[in-house]
């Protein structure tokens, strides 16, 4: 498990723009996984589940709730983007979440997040909005958008 958190943190360090402060720190990841209802998936550069000792090209971190699975984080290292790994991660998440009894996936992101095109192409649709929820680098505010994707 420690090695897997190391691989998650390595991808996170390269994948998230520090301007937005969206990356989690190690303690946040470890605490989430300690609850037992959080799950992670590591993907290799070849698009298969990353094996022990193999470099991870991307990951997802999600939380299971009653008939729902919330995608907390999804990241692909910049050098592996545009290869279909994000879609592969979402496919793996959908299958795993369905196996845990989820009927839909949820996620929240800041307005203008470039990952929105990936999520929309996968079948996520907007279900909510939180006005001025996130702080911007310039001390302004930006909306949070909530999306869902039906499983099944």
N, C-alpha and C. Protein backbone atom coordinates (compact mmCIF):
# COMPACT_ATOMS: atom_id res chain seq x y z
N UNK A 1 0.83 -1.20 0.00
CA UNK A 1 0.00 0.00 0.00
C UNK A 1 0.87 1.26 0.00
N UNK A 2 1.96 1.27 0.77
CA UNK A 2 2.84 2.44 0.81
C UNK A 2 3.41 2.72 -0.57
N UNK A 3 3.83 1.66 -1.27
CA UNK A 3 4.36 1.84 -2.61
C UNK A 3 3.30 2.41 -3.55
N UNK A 4 2.05 1.97 -3.40
CA UNK A 4 0.97 2.48 -4.24
C UNK A 4 0.72 3.96 -3.96
N UNK A 5 0.76 4.36 -2.71
CA UNK A 5 0.61 5.79 -2.38
C UNK A 5 1.77 6.58 -2.97
N UNK A 6 2.97 6.01 -2.94
CA UNK A 6 4.13 6.67 -3.57
C UNK A 6 3.86 6.90 -5.06
N UNK A 7 3.30 5.90 -5.73
CA UNK A 7 3.03 6.02 -7.17
C UNK A 7 1.90 7.04 -7.44
N UNK A 8 0.89 7.06 -6.58
CA UNK A 8 -0.17 8.07 -6.70
C UNK A 8 0.43 9.46 -6.56
N UNK A 9 1.28 9.64 -5.56
CA UNK A 9 1.86 10.96 -5.30
C UNK A 9 2.78 11.39 -6.44
N UNK A 10 3.50 10.46 -7.05
CA UNK A 10 4.38 10.80 -8.18
C UNK A 10 3.56 11.32 -9.36
N UNK A 11 2.46 10.64 -9.67
CA UNK A 11 1.60 11.11 -10.76
C UNK A 11 0.99 12.46 -10.39
N UNK A 12 0.52 12.58 -9.17
CA UNK A 12 -0.13 13.83 -8.76
C UNK A 12 0.83 15.01 -8.88
N UNK A 13 2.10 14.80 -8.49
CA UNK A 13 3.09 15.89 -8.55
C UNK A 13 3.30 16.39 -9.97
N UNK A 14 3.19 15.49 -10.94
CA UNK A 14 3.42 15.91 -12.32
C UNK A 14 2.14 16.37 -13.03
N UNK A 15 0.99 15.88 -12.58
CA UNK A 15 -0.24 16.07 -13.34
C UNK A 15 -1.04 17.32 -12.98
N UNK A 16 -0.98 17.76 -11.74
CA UNK A 16 -1.82 18.88 -11.31
C UNK A 16 -1.06 20.19 -11.37
N UNK A 17 -1.69 21.20 -11.96
CA UNK A 17 -1.13 22.54 -12.03
C UNK A 17 -1.18 23.15 -10.63
N UNK A 18 -0.02 23.48 -10.04
CA UNK A 18 -0.02 24.01 -8.68
C UNK A 18 -0.75 25.34 -8.53
N UNK A 19 -0.99 26.01 -9.64
CA UNK A 19 -1.72 27.28 -9.60
C UNK A 19 -3.08 27.13 -8.93
N UNK A 20 -3.73 25.98 -9.16
CA UNK A 20 -5.10 25.80 -8.69
C UNK A 20 -5.19 25.13 -7.32
N UNK A 21 -4.10 24.55 -6.84
CA UNK A 21 -4.12 23.91 -5.53
C UNK A 21 -5.03 22.71 -5.44
N UNK A 22 -5.21 21.98 -6.54
CA UNK A 22 -6.14 20.85 -6.57
C UNK A 22 -5.51 19.53 -6.12
N UNK A 23 -4.19 19.45 -6.16
CA UNK A 23 -3.52 18.21 -5.76
C UNK A 23 -3.69 18.00 -4.25
N UNK A 24 -3.81 16.76 -3.87
CA UNK A 24 -3.88 16.41 -2.46
C UNK A 24 -2.48 16.15 -1.95
N UNK A 25 -2.30 16.30 -0.65
CA UNK A 25 -1.01 15.92 -0.07
C UNK A 25 -1.09 14.45 0.36
N UNK A 26 0.06 13.90 0.71
CA UNK A 26 0.13 12.48 1.05
C UNK A 26 -0.81 12.12 2.21
N UNK A 27 -0.87 12.96 3.19
CA UNK A 27 -1.72 12.69 4.36
C UNK A 27 -3.19 12.58 3.94
N UNK A 28 -3.63 13.46 3.05
CA UNK A 28 -5.02 13.41 2.59
C UNK A 28 -5.32 12.09 1.88
N UNK A 29 -4.39 11.65 1.05
CA UNK A 29 -4.58 10.39 0.32
C UNK A 29 -4.60 9.23 1.31
N UNK A 30 -3.63 9.18 2.21
CA UNK A 30 -3.58 8.09 3.19
C UNK A 30 -4.82 8.07 4.08
N UNK A 31 -5.25 9.25 4.53
CA UNK A 31 -6.45 9.32 5.37
C UNK A 31 -7.69 8.83 4.63
N UNK A 32 -7.83 9.23 3.36
CA UNK A 32 -8.98 8.80 2.58
C UNK A 32 -8.99 7.28 2.45
N UNK A 33 -7.85 6.69 2.14
CA UNK A 33 -7.78 5.25 1.95
C UNK A 33 -7.98 4.49 3.26
N UNK A 34 -7.68 5.10 4.37
CA UNK A 34 -7.85 4.44 5.67
C UNK A 34 -9.31 4.24 6.04
N UNK A 35 -10.22 5.01 5.46
CA UNK A 35 -11.64 4.90 5.80
C UNK A 35 -12.29 3.61 5.32
N UNK A 36 -11.73 2.99 4.32
CA UNK A 36 -12.28 1.72 3.86
C UNK A 36 -13.30 1.83 2.75
N UNK A 37 -13.91 3.00 2.57
CA UNK A 37 -14.86 3.15 1.47
C UNK A 37 -14.22 3.90 0.30
N UNK A 38 -12.93 4.17 0.38
CA UNK A 38 -12.19 4.81 -0.72
C UNK A 38 -11.37 3.76 -1.45
N UNK A 39 -11.27 3.94 -2.74
CA UNK A 39 -10.61 2.97 -3.61
C UNK A 39 -9.72 3.71 -4.59
N UNK A 40 -8.67 3.04 -5.04
CA UNK A 40 -7.79 3.64 -6.04
C UNK A 40 -7.54 2.64 -7.16
N UNK A 41 -7.14 3.19 -8.28
CA UNK A 41 -6.77 2.39 -9.45
C UNK A 41 -5.54 3.03 -10.05
N UNK A 42 -4.55 2.22 -10.36
CA UNK A 42 -3.32 2.68 -11.01
C UNK A 42 -3.26 2.09 -12.41
N UNK A 43 -2.91 2.91 -13.39
CA UNK A 43 -2.81 2.44 -14.77
C UNK A 43 -1.38 2.62 -15.26
N UNK A 44 -0.94 1.67 -16.07
CA UNK A 44 0.39 1.74 -16.66
C UNK A 44 0.34 2.54 -17.95
N UNK A 45 1.49 2.83 -18.51
CA UNK A 45 1.57 3.57 -19.78
C UNK A 45 0.97 2.75 -20.93
N UNK A 46 0.88 1.43 -20.75
CA UNK A 46 0.30 0.57 -21.80
C UNK A 46 -1.22 0.48 -21.70
N UNK A 47 -1.80 1.12 -20.67
CA UNK A 47 -3.25 1.12 -20.53
C UNK A 47 -3.79 -0.06 -19.76
N UNK A 48 -2.92 -0.81 -19.11
CA UNK A 48 -3.32 -1.94 -18.28
C UNK A 48 -3.13 -1.56 -16.81
N UNK A 49 -3.76 -2.31 -15.90
CA UNK A 49 -3.52 -2.01 -14.48
C UNK A 49 -2.02 -2.07 -14.17
N UNK A 50 -1.52 -1.07 -13.48
CA UNK A 50 -0.09 -1.04 -13.13
C UNK A 50 0.20 -2.15 -12.13
N UNK A 51 1.19 -2.95 -12.42
CA UNK A 51 1.59 -4.05 -11.55
C UNK A 51 2.53 -3.54 -10.45
N UNK A 52 2.70 -4.34 -9.42
CA UNK A 52 3.62 -3.99 -8.34
C UNK A 52 4.99 -3.65 -8.92
N UNK A 53 5.54 -2.53 -8.49
CA UNK A 53 6.86 -2.10 -8.94
C UNK A 53 6.88 -1.38 -10.27
N UNK A 54 5.78 -1.38 -10.99
CA UNK A 54 5.71 -0.72 -12.30
C UNK A 54 5.31 0.74 -12.13
N UNK A 55 5.92 1.60 -12.91
CA UNK A 55 5.56 3.02 -12.87
C UNK A 55 4.09 3.19 -13.25
N UNK A 56 3.40 4.04 -12.52
CA UNK A 56 2.02 4.36 -12.85
C UNK A 56 2.01 5.59 -13.76
N UNK A 57 1.20 5.53 -14.81
CA UNK A 57 1.04 6.67 -15.71
C UNK A 57 -0.16 7.51 -15.30
N UNK A 58 -1.05 6.93 -14.49
CA UNK A 58 -2.24 7.65 -14.05
C UNK A 58 -2.91 6.90 -12.93
N UNK A 59 -3.93 7.54 -12.35
CA UNK A 59 -4.65 6.92 -11.24
C UNK A 59 -6.02 7.56 -11.10
N UNK A 60 -6.86 6.86 -10.34
CA UNK A 60 -8.11 7.45 -9.87
C UNK A 60 -8.23 7.13 -8.39
N UNK A 61 -8.93 8.00 -7.69
CA UNK A 61 -9.26 7.81 -6.28
C UNK A 61 -10.75 8.10 -6.17
N UNK A 62 -11.50 7.16 -5.60
CA UNK A 62 -12.95 7.32 -5.52
C UNK A 62 -13.45 6.89 -4.16
N UNK A 63 -14.69 7.29 -3.89
CA UNK A 63 -15.33 6.97 -2.61
C UNK A 63 -16.71 6.37 -2.89
N UNK A 64 -17.00 5.24 -2.26
CA UNK A 64 -18.26 4.55 -2.43
C UNK A 64 -19.27 5.04 -1.40
N UNK A 65 -20.47 5.31 -1.87
CA UNK A 65 -21.60 5.64 -1.01
C UNK A 65 -22.78 4.81 -1.45
N UNK A 66 -23.91 5.02 -0.87
CA UNK A 66 -25.09 4.25 -1.21
C UNK A 66 -25.46 4.42 -2.68
N UNK A 67 -25.27 3.39 -3.46
CA UNK A 67 -25.58 3.34 -4.89
C UNK A 67 -24.89 4.41 -5.71
N UNK A 68 -23.85 5.03 -5.17
CA UNK A 68 -23.08 6.04 -5.90
C UNK A 68 -21.59 5.85 -5.62
N UNK A 69 -20.80 6.26 -6.58
CA UNK A 69 -19.35 6.29 -6.43
C UNK A 69 -18.90 7.69 -6.85
N UNK A 70 -18.21 8.36 -5.95
CA UNK A 70 -17.74 9.72 -6.24
C UNK A 70 -16.28 9.67 -6.65
N UNK A 71 -15.99 10.19 -7.82
CA UNK A 71 -14.62 10.32 -8.29
C UNK A 71 -14.00 11.52 -7.60
N UNK A 72 -13.04 11.27 -6.73
CA UNK A 72 -12.39 12.33 -5.98
C UNK A 72 -11.23 12.93 -6.76
N UNK A 73 -10.44 12.09 -7.38
CA UNK A 73 -9.28 12.53 -8.16
C UNK A 73 -9.09 11.59 -9.34
N UNK A 74 -8.68 12.16 -10.45
CA UNK A 74 -8.24 11.40 -11.61
C UNK A 74 -7.09 12.19 -12.21
N UNK A 75 -5.99 11.51 -12.49
CA UNK A 75 -4.84 12.21 -13.06
C UNK A 75 -4.07 11.28 -13.98
N UNK A 76 -3.54 11.86 -15.04
CA UNK A 76 -2.63 11.18 -15.95
C UNK A 76 -1.41 12.08 -16.09
N UNK A 77 -0.22 11.49 -15.94
CA UNK A 77 1.01 12.27 -16.10
C UNK A 77 1.04 12.91 -17.48
N UNK A 78 1.52 14.14 -17.58
CA UNK A 78 1.49 14.86 -18.86
C UNK A 78 2.08 14.10 -20.05
N UNK A 79 3.14 13.35 -19.83
CA UNK A 79 3.77 12.65 -20.97
C UNK A 79 2.92 11.49 -21.49
N UNK A 80 1.87 11.11 -20.76
CA UNK A 80 1.01 10.01 -21.19
C UNK A 80 -0.41 10.46 -21.56
N UNK A 81 -0.61 11.74 -21.65
CA UNK A 81 -1.94 12.25 -22.01
C UNK A 81 -2.21 12.08 -23.50
N UNK A 82 -3.48 12.08 -23.83
CA UNK A 82 -3.97 11.95 -25.21
C UNK A 82 -3.69 10.57 -25.80
N UNK A 83 -3.55 9.57 -24.92
CA UNK A 83 -3.34 8.19 -25.36
C UNK A 83 -4.53 7.29 -24.99
N UNK A 84 -5.58 7.88 -24.43
CA UNK A 84 -6.75 7.12 -24.04
C UNK A 84 -6.70 6.58 -22.62
N UNK A 85 -5.68 6.96 -21.85
CA UNK A 85 -5.55 6.43 -20.50
C UNK A 85 -6.65 6.97 -19.57
N UNK A 86 -7.03 8.22 -19.73
CA UNK A 86 -8.10 8.78 -18.91
C UNK A 86 -9.39 8.01 -19.12
N UNK A 87 -9.71 7.70 -20.35
CA UNK A 87 -10.91 6.92 -20.66
C UNK A 87 -10.80 5.52 -20.09
N UNK A 88 -9.61 4.92 -20.18
CA UNK A 88 -9.40 3.59 -19.62
C UNK A 88 -9.58 3.59 -18.10
N UNK A 89 -9.11 4.64 -17.45
CA UNK A 89 -9.29 4.76 -16.00
C UNK A 89 -10.78 4.86 -15.68
N UNK A 90 -11.50 5.68 -16.44
CA UNK A 90 -12.94 5.81 -16.22
C UNK A 90 -13.68 4.50 -16.46
N UNK A 91 -13.27 3.76 -17.47
CA UNK A 91 -13.89 2.45 -17.71
C UNK A 91 -13.65 1.50 -16.54
N UNK A 92 -12.42 1.48 -16.04
CA UNK A 92 -12.10 0.63 -14.88
C UNK A 92 -12.91 1.07 -13.66
N UNK A 93 -13.05 2.37 -13.48
CA UNK A 93 -13.83 2.88 -12.36
C UNK A 93 -15.29 2.47 -12.49
N UNK A 94 -15.85 2.59 -13.68
CA UNK A 94 -17.25 2.22 -13.89
C UNK A 94 -17.48 0.75 -13.54
N UNK A 95 -16.60 -0.13 -14.00
CA UNK A 95 -16.74 -1.56 -13.72
C UNK A 95 -16.60 -1.86 -12.23
N UNK A 96 -15.60 -1.28 -11.60
CA UNK A 96 -15.37 -1.52 -10.17
C UNK A 96 -16.53 -0.96 -9.34
N UNK A 97 -16.98 0.23 -9.69
CA UNK A 97 -18.08 0.86 -8.95
C UNK A 97 -19.36 0.04 -9.10
N UNK A 98 -19.63 -0.45 -10.28
CA UNK A 98 -20.81 -1.29 -10.48
C UNK A 98 -20.70 -2.55 -9.62
N UNK A 99 -19.52 -3.10 -9.53
CA UNK A 99 -19.30 -4.27 -8.69
C UNK A 99 -19.51 -3.98 -7.20
N UNK A 100 -19.37 -2.73 -6.82
CA UNK A 100 -19.61 -2.33 -5.43
C UNK A 100 -21.05 -1.87 -5.22
N UNK A 101 -21.89 -1.98 -6.25
CA UNK A 101 -23.30 -1.65 -6.12
C UNK A 101 -23.68 -0.24 -6.54
N UNK A 102 -22.75 0.50 -7.12
CA UNK A 102 -23.07 1.87 -7.55
C UNK A 102 -23.94 1.85 -8.79
N UNK A 103 -24.87 2.79 -8.83
CA UNK A 103 -25.73 2.95 -10.00
C UNK A 103 -25.35 4.17 -10.82
N UNK A 104 -24.52 5.07 -10.20
CA UNK A 104 -24.02 6.21 -10.96
C UNK A 104 -22.72 6.70 -10.35
N UNK A 105 -21.96 7.39 -11.20
CA UNK A 105 -20.71 8.04 -10.80
C UNK A 105 -20.99 9.52 -10.63
N UNK A 106 -20.31 10.13 -9.67
CA UNK A 106 -20.40 11.57 -9.43
C UNK A 106 -19.01 12.17 -9.44
N UNK A 107 -18.92 13.44 -9.78
CA UNK A 107 -17.67 14.18 -9.64
C UNK A 107 -17.97 15.66 -9.57
N UNK A 108 -17.01 16.39 -9.04
CA UNK A 108 -17.12 17.85 -8.97
C UNK A 108 -15.80 18.43 -9.46
N UNK A 109 -15.87 19.52 -10.21
CA UNK A 109 -14.67 20.18 -10.71
C UNK A 109 -14.91 21.67 -10.83
N UNK A 110 -13.82 22.40 -10.95
CA UNK A 110 -13.96 23.84 -11.15
C UNK A 110 -14.37 24.11 -12.59
N UNK A 111 -15.15 25.18 -12.74
CA UNK A 111 -15.53 25.60 -14.10
C UNK A 111 -14.24 25.92 -14.89
N UNK A 112 -14.19 25.46 -16.11
CA UNK A 112 -13.03 25.72 -16.95
C UNK A 112 -11.96 24.64 -16.87
N UNK A 113 -12.18 23.61 -16.09
CA UNK A 113 -11.21 22.53 -15.99
C UNK A 113 -11.15 21.83 -17.35
N UNK A 114 -9.96 21.71 -17.95
CA UNK A 114 -9.88 21.10 -19.28
C UNK A 114 -10.31 19.63 -19.32
N UNK A 115 -10.37 18.96 -18.18
CA UNK A 115 -10.81 17.56 -18.15
C UNK A 115 -12.30 17.42 -18.43
N UNK A 116 -13.04 18.51 -18.44
CA UNK A 116 -14.47 18.43 -18.67
C UNK A 116 -14.78 17.76 -20.01
N UNK A 117 -13.96 17.97 -21.02
CA UNK A 117 -14.22 17.34 -22.32
C UNK A 117 -14.11 15.82 -22.23
N UNK A 118 -13.17 15.31 -21.45
CA UNK A 118 -13.05 13.87 -21.25
C UNK A 118 -14.30 13.33 -20.57
N UNK A 119 -14.73 13.98 -19.51
CA UNK A 119 -15.89 13.51 -18.76
C UNK A 119 -17.16 13.57 -19.61
N UNK A 120 -17.33 14.64 -20.36
CA UNK A 120 -18.52 14.76 -21.22
C UNK A 120 -18.54 13.66 -22.28
N UNK A 121 -17.39 13.40 -22.89
CA UNK A 121 -17.31 12.35 -23.91
C UNK A 121 -17.60 10.98 -23.31
N UNK A 122 -17.33 10.80 -22.04
CA UNK A 122 -17.56 9.53 -21.35
C UNK A 122 -19.03 9.35 -20.95
N UNK A 123 -19.79 10.44 -20.95
CA UNK A 123 -21.21 10.34 -20.61
C UNK A 123 -21.61 11.08 -19.35
N UNK A 124 -20.70 11.84 -18.77
CA UNK A 124 -21.07 12.65 -17.61
C UNK A 124 -21.92 13.84 -18.06
N UNK A 125 -22.90 14.19 -17.27
CA UNK A 125 -23.74 15.34 -17.54
C UNK A 125 -23.84 16.18 -16.27
N UNK A 126 -23.99 17.48 -16.46
CA UNK A 126 -24.02 18.39 -15.31
C UNK A 126 -25.33 18.27 -14.55
N UNK A 127 -25.21 18.16 -13.22
CA UNK A 127 -26.40 18.07 -12.36
C UNK A 127 -26.47 19.19 -11.33
N UNK A 128 -25.41 19.98 -11.23
CA UNK A 128 -25.42 21.04 -10.23
C UNK A 128 -24.30 22.03 -10.41
N UNK A 129 -24.39 23.10 -9.64
CA UNK A 129 -23.39 24.17 -9.70
C UNK A 129 -23.34 24.84 -8.33
N UNK A 130 -22.15 25.10 -7.87
CA UNK A 130 -21.95 25.86 -6.64
C UNK A 130 -21.25 27.16 -7.02
N UNK A 131 -21.98 28.24 -6.93
CA UNK A 131 -21.45 29.54 -7.33
C UNK A 131 -20.27 29.94 -6.44
N UNK A 132 -19.21 30.39 -7.09
CA UNK A 132 -18.03 30.95 -6.43
C UNK A 132 -17.50 30.04 -5.33
N UNK A 133 -17.47 28.76 -5.56
CA UNK A 133 -17.07 27.77 -4.57
C UNK A 133 -15.56 27.70 -4.35
N UNK A 134 -14.81 27.73 -5.46
CA UNK A 134 -13.35 27.62 -5.37
C UNK A 134 -12.69 28.99 -5.41
N UNK A 135 -11.56 29.10 -4.74
CA UNK A 135 -10.74 30.33 -4.84
C UNK A 135 -9.84 30.22 -6.07
N UNK A 136 -9.64 31.35 -6.72
CA UNK A 136 -8.73 31.38 -7.86
C UNK A 136 -7.37 31.87 -7.38
N UNK A 137 -6.34 31.70 -8.20
CA UNK A 137 -5.01 32.17 -7.80
C UNK A 137 -4.98 33.66 -7.49
N UNK A 138 -5.84 34.45 -8.12
CA UNK A 138 -5.87 35.89 -7.90
C UNK A 138 -6.79 36.32 -6.79
N UNK A 139 -7.16 35.42 -5.89
CA UNK A 139 -8.04 35.68 -4.75
C UNK A 139 -9.50 35.90 -5.17
N UNK A 140 -9.81 35.59 -6.42
CA UNK A 140 -11.20 35.63 -6.86
C UNK A 140 -11.89 34.31 -6.55
N UNK A 141 -13.05 34.11 -7.11
CA UNK A 141 -13.81 32.89 -6.89
C UNK A 141 -14.25 32.32 -8.24
N UNK A 142 -14.43 31.02 -8.28
CA UNK A 142 -14.87 30.35 -9.49
C UNK A 142 -15.89 29.26 -9.10
N UNK A 143 -16.83 29.01 -9.99
CA UNK A 143 -17.90 28.05 -9.70
C UNK A 143 -17.38 26.61 -9.69
N UNK A 144 -18.02 25.79 -8.89
CA UNK A 144 -17.83 24.33 -8.92
C UNK A 144 -18.99 23.74 -9.70
N UNK A 145 -18.69 22.78 -10.54
CA UNK A 145 -19.71 22.11 -11.34
C UNK A 145 -19.77 20.64 -10.88
N UNK A 146 -20.98 20.13 -10.72
CA UNK A 146 -21.18 18.75 -10.30
C UNK A 146 -21.75 17.97 -11.48
N UNK A 147 -21.19 16.77 -11.70
CA UNK A 147 -21.58 15.94 -12.83
C UNK A 147 -21.93 14.54 -12.35
N UNK A 148 -22.75 13.86 -13.12
CA UNK A 148 -23.11 12.47 -12.87
C UNK A 148 -22.99 11.68 -14.17
N UNK A 149 -22.80 10.38 -14.02
CA UNK A 149 -22.77 9.46 -15.16
C UNK A 149 -23.47 8.18 -14.71
N UNK A 150 -24.51 7.81 -15.42
CA UNK A 150 -25.25 6.61 -15.05
C UNK A 150 -24.44 5.36 -15.40
N UNK A 151 -24.51 4.37 -14.55
CA UNK A 151 -23.83 3.09 -14.76
C UNK A 151 -24.89 2.08 -15.18
N UNK A 152 -24.56 1.32 -16.18
CA UNK A 152 -25.47 0.23 -16.53
C UNK A 152 -26.04 0.29 -17.85
